């Protein structure tokens, strides 16, 4: 059983039991490919990143997330804030009964060459994907529109 289930645009999403949850996620790329992680908590693909702690900014959370999830110490000044996704209905429902409205701050980071990545305990796999390869995988519904927006805007 999945530890978390994600909802976005669902006609009858579960009602939140918690306040809004601020997250920081990365559009981390290399040579036109997008990095995704296969999440251990729900066995689907998503963007690298996670929750913002009470004592940190979203950018600090993004830097911490890349260190924890990729094993890389990336400089904060190389991240570019791209967007905030926070419309109502972007929901994460956890097995413990907590249900959160998600607000995601999205940061971009471009690698000139594909780095050596370390898989954390939160991930099953890390991989860079082309737009064509993305079509063959399941992406967390709360990240799918972000991924689609990036590939669409990149092509324009």
Protein backbone atom coordinates (compact mmCIF):
# COMPACT_ATOMS: atom_id res chain seq x y z
CA UNK A 1 0.00 0.00 0.00
CA UNK A 2 1.28 3.46 -0.91
CA UNK A 3 2.29 5.77 1.90
CA UNK A 4 0.96 8.77 -0.05
CA UNK A 5 -1.65 9.35 -2.75
CA UNK A 6 -1.64 12.54 -4.81
CA UNK A 7 -4.63 14.43 -6.25
CA UNK A 8 -4.94 17.33 -8.66
CA UNK A 9 -8.09 18.38 -10.46
CA UNK A 10 -9.97 15.43 -8.97
CA UNK A 11 -13.78 15.95 -8.90
CA UNK A 12 -14.00 14.77 -5.29
CA UNK A 13 -10.60 15.06 -3.57
CA UNK A 14 -10.27 14.23 0.12
CA UNK A 15 -10.78 17.18 2.46
CA UNK A 16 -7.61 18.56 3.96
CA UNK A 17 -6.91 17.86 7.62
CA UNK A 18 -3.81 20.07 7.79
CA UNK A 19 -2.84 23.53 6.60
CA UNK A 20 -1.08 24.19 3.33
CA UNK A 21 2.27 22.41 2.95
CA UNK A 22 5.09 24.32 1.25
CA UNK A 23 7.42 22.25 -0.90
CA UNK A 24 10.46 23.00 -3.06
CA UNK A 25 11.02 20.94 -6.20
CA UNK A 26 13.59 21.04 -8.95
CA UNK A 27 13.45 21.09 -12.71
CA UNK A 28 16.95 19.62 -12.80
CA UNK A 29 18.17 19.11 -16.33
CA UNK A 30 21.11 18.03 -18.42
CA UNK A 31 21.29 18.46 -22.20
CA UNK A 32 17.52 18.78 -22.58
CA UNK A 33 16.68 15.85 -20.32
CA UNK A 34 14.76 16.17 -17.05
CA UNK A 35 15.80 14.41 -13.84
CA UNK A 36 13.09 12.47 -12.00
CA UNK A 37 13.15 10.16 -9.01
CA UNK A 38 11.07 7.03 -8.62
CA UNK A 39 9.61 7.57 -5.17
CA UNK A 40 9.74 4.80 -2.60
CA UNK A 41 6.60 6.01 -0.79
CA UNK A 42 4.23 5.52 -3.75
CA UNK A 43 6.28 3.82 -6.50
CA UNK A 44 5.74 6.61 -9.03
CA UNK A 45 8.05 9.21 -10.56
CA UNK A 46 8.34 12.79 -9.35
CA UNK A 47 10.57 15.83 -9.19
CA UNK A 48 13.45 15.94 -6.75
CA UNK A 49 12.75 18.00 -3.63
CA UNK A 50 10.41 18.00 -0.70
CA UNK A 51 8.95 19.86 2.20
CA UNK A 52 10.23 23.18 3.48
CA UNK A 53 11.10 23.07 7.18
CA UNK A 54 9.92 25.85 9.51
CA UNK A 55 13.45 27.21 9.84
CA UNK A 56 14.38 27.41 6.14
CA UNK A 57 13.46 29.19 2.94
CA UNK A 58 12.20 27.31 -0.10
CA UNK A 59 15.62 27.78 -1.75
CA UNK A 60 17.39 26.37 1.31
CA UNK A 61 15.01 23.39 1.20
CA UNK A 62 15.86 22.85 -2.49
CA UNK A 63 19.60 22.88 -1.77
CA UNK A 64 19.09 20.48 1.17
CA UNK A 65 16.84 18.25 -0.94
CA UNK A 66 19.43 17.85 -3.69
CA UNK A 67 22.07 17.02 -1.09
CA UNK A 68 19.85 14.43 0.61
CA UNK A 69 18.24 12.91 -2.48
CA UNK A 70 21.10 13.10 -5.00
CA UNK A 71 24.20 13.17 -2.82
CA UNK A 72 25.27 16.48 -4.40
CA UNK A 73 26.17 19.80 -2.79
CA UNK A 74 24.89 22.34 -5.29
CA UNK A 75 25.39 26.09 -4.83
CA UNK A 76 22.20 28.02 -4.03
CA UNK A 77 23.08 30.82 -6.46
CA UNK A 78 22.91 28.39 -9.42
CA UNK A 79 19.21 27.65 -8.82
CA UNK A 80 16.69 29.81 -10.66
CA UNK A 81 13.17 30.26 -9.28
CA UNK A 82 10.84 29.30 -12.12
CA UNK A 83 7.28 29.20 -10.77
CA UNK A 84 4.92 28.51 -7.89
CA UNK A 85 2.17 25.93 -8.27
CA UNK A 86 -0.42 26.17 -5.54
CA UNK A 87 -3.95 26.10 -6.87
CA UNK A 88 -6.60 24.50 -4.62
CA UNK A 89 -7.04 20.80 -5.31
CA UNK A 90 -3.31 19.98 -5.35
CA UNK A 91 -3.53 17.45 -2.50
CA UNK A 92 -1.29 14.84 -0.82
CA UNK A 93 -3.11 12.27 1.32
CA UNK A 94 -0.92 10.19 3.62
CA UNK A 95 -1.62 6.77 5.06
CA UNK A 96 -1.51 8.22 8.60
CA UNK A 97 -4.66 10.25 7.78
CA UNK A 98 -3.01 13.63 7.26
CA UNK A 99 -4.19 15.38 4.10
CA UNK A 100 -2.38 18.50 2.89
CA UNK A 101 -2.93 21.15 0.25
CA UNK A 102 0.38 21.35 -1.63
CA UNK A 103 2.10 24.58 -2.67
CA UNK A 104 5.24 23.90 -4.72
CA UNK A 105 8.01 26.40 -5.41
CA UNK A 106 9.86 25.23 -8.52
CA UNK A 107 13.56 25.87 -9.08
CA UNK A 108 15.61 25.21 -12.19
CA UNK A 109 19.15 23.83 -12.25
CA UNK A 110 21.11 22.87 -15.37
CA UNK A 111 24.04 20.44 -15.37
CA UNK A 112 26.50 20.84 -18.26
CA UNK A 113 27.37 17.13 -18.01
CA UNK A 114 25.40 14.29 -16.45
CA UNK A 115 26.50 14.00 -12.81
CA UNK A 116 27.06 10.88 -10.75
CA UNK A 117 23.99 10.61 -8.54
CA UNK A 118 23.50 8.72 -5.27
CA UNK A 119 20.08 7.19 -4.64
CA UNK A 120 18.72 8.05 -1.19
CA UNK A 121 16.47 5.97 1.03
CA UNK A 122 13.52 8.01 -0.34
CA UNK A 123 14.11 6.91 -3.93
CA UNK A 124 14.12 3.69 -5.90
CA UNK A 125 15.74 5.17 -9.00
CA UNK A 126 17.07 8.45 -10.40
CA UNK A 127 17.08 9.06 -14.14
CA UNK A 128 17.19 11.81 -16.77
CA UNK A 129 14.29 11.61 -19.27
CA UNK A 130 13.53 13.02 -22.70
CA UNK A 131 10.04 14.27 -23.52
CA UNK A 132 9.39 11.06 -25.45
CA UNK A 133 10.51 8.82 -22.57
CA UNK A 134 8.25 10.68 -20.11
CA UNK A 135 5.20 9.37 -21.98
CA UNK A 136 6.00 5.82 -20.85
CA UNK A 137 6.11 6.43 -17.08
CA UNK A 138 3.66 7.37 -14.33
CA UNK A 139 4.40 10.77 -12.81
CA UNK A 140 2.85 12.03 -9.57
CA UNK A 141 -0.27 13.98 -10.59
CA UNK A 142 0.95 16.94 -8.52
CA UNK A 143 4.13 17.06 -10.64
CA UNK A 144 2.79 16.00 -14.06
CA UNK A 145 1.61 19.49 -15.03
CA UNK A 146 4.91 21.01 -13.89
CA UNK A 147 6.85 18.53 -16.04
CA UNK A 148 4.51 19.13 -18.98
CA UNK A 149 4.83 22.91 -18.61
CA UNK A 150 8.63 22.66 -18.63
CA UNK A 151 8.78 20.52 -21.77
CA UNK A 152 6.16 22.74 -23.50
CA UNK A 153 7.84 26.05 -22.58
CA UNK A 154 11.28 24.68 -23.46
CA UNK A 155 10.09 23.81 -26.97
CA UNK A 156 8.72 27.32 -27.63
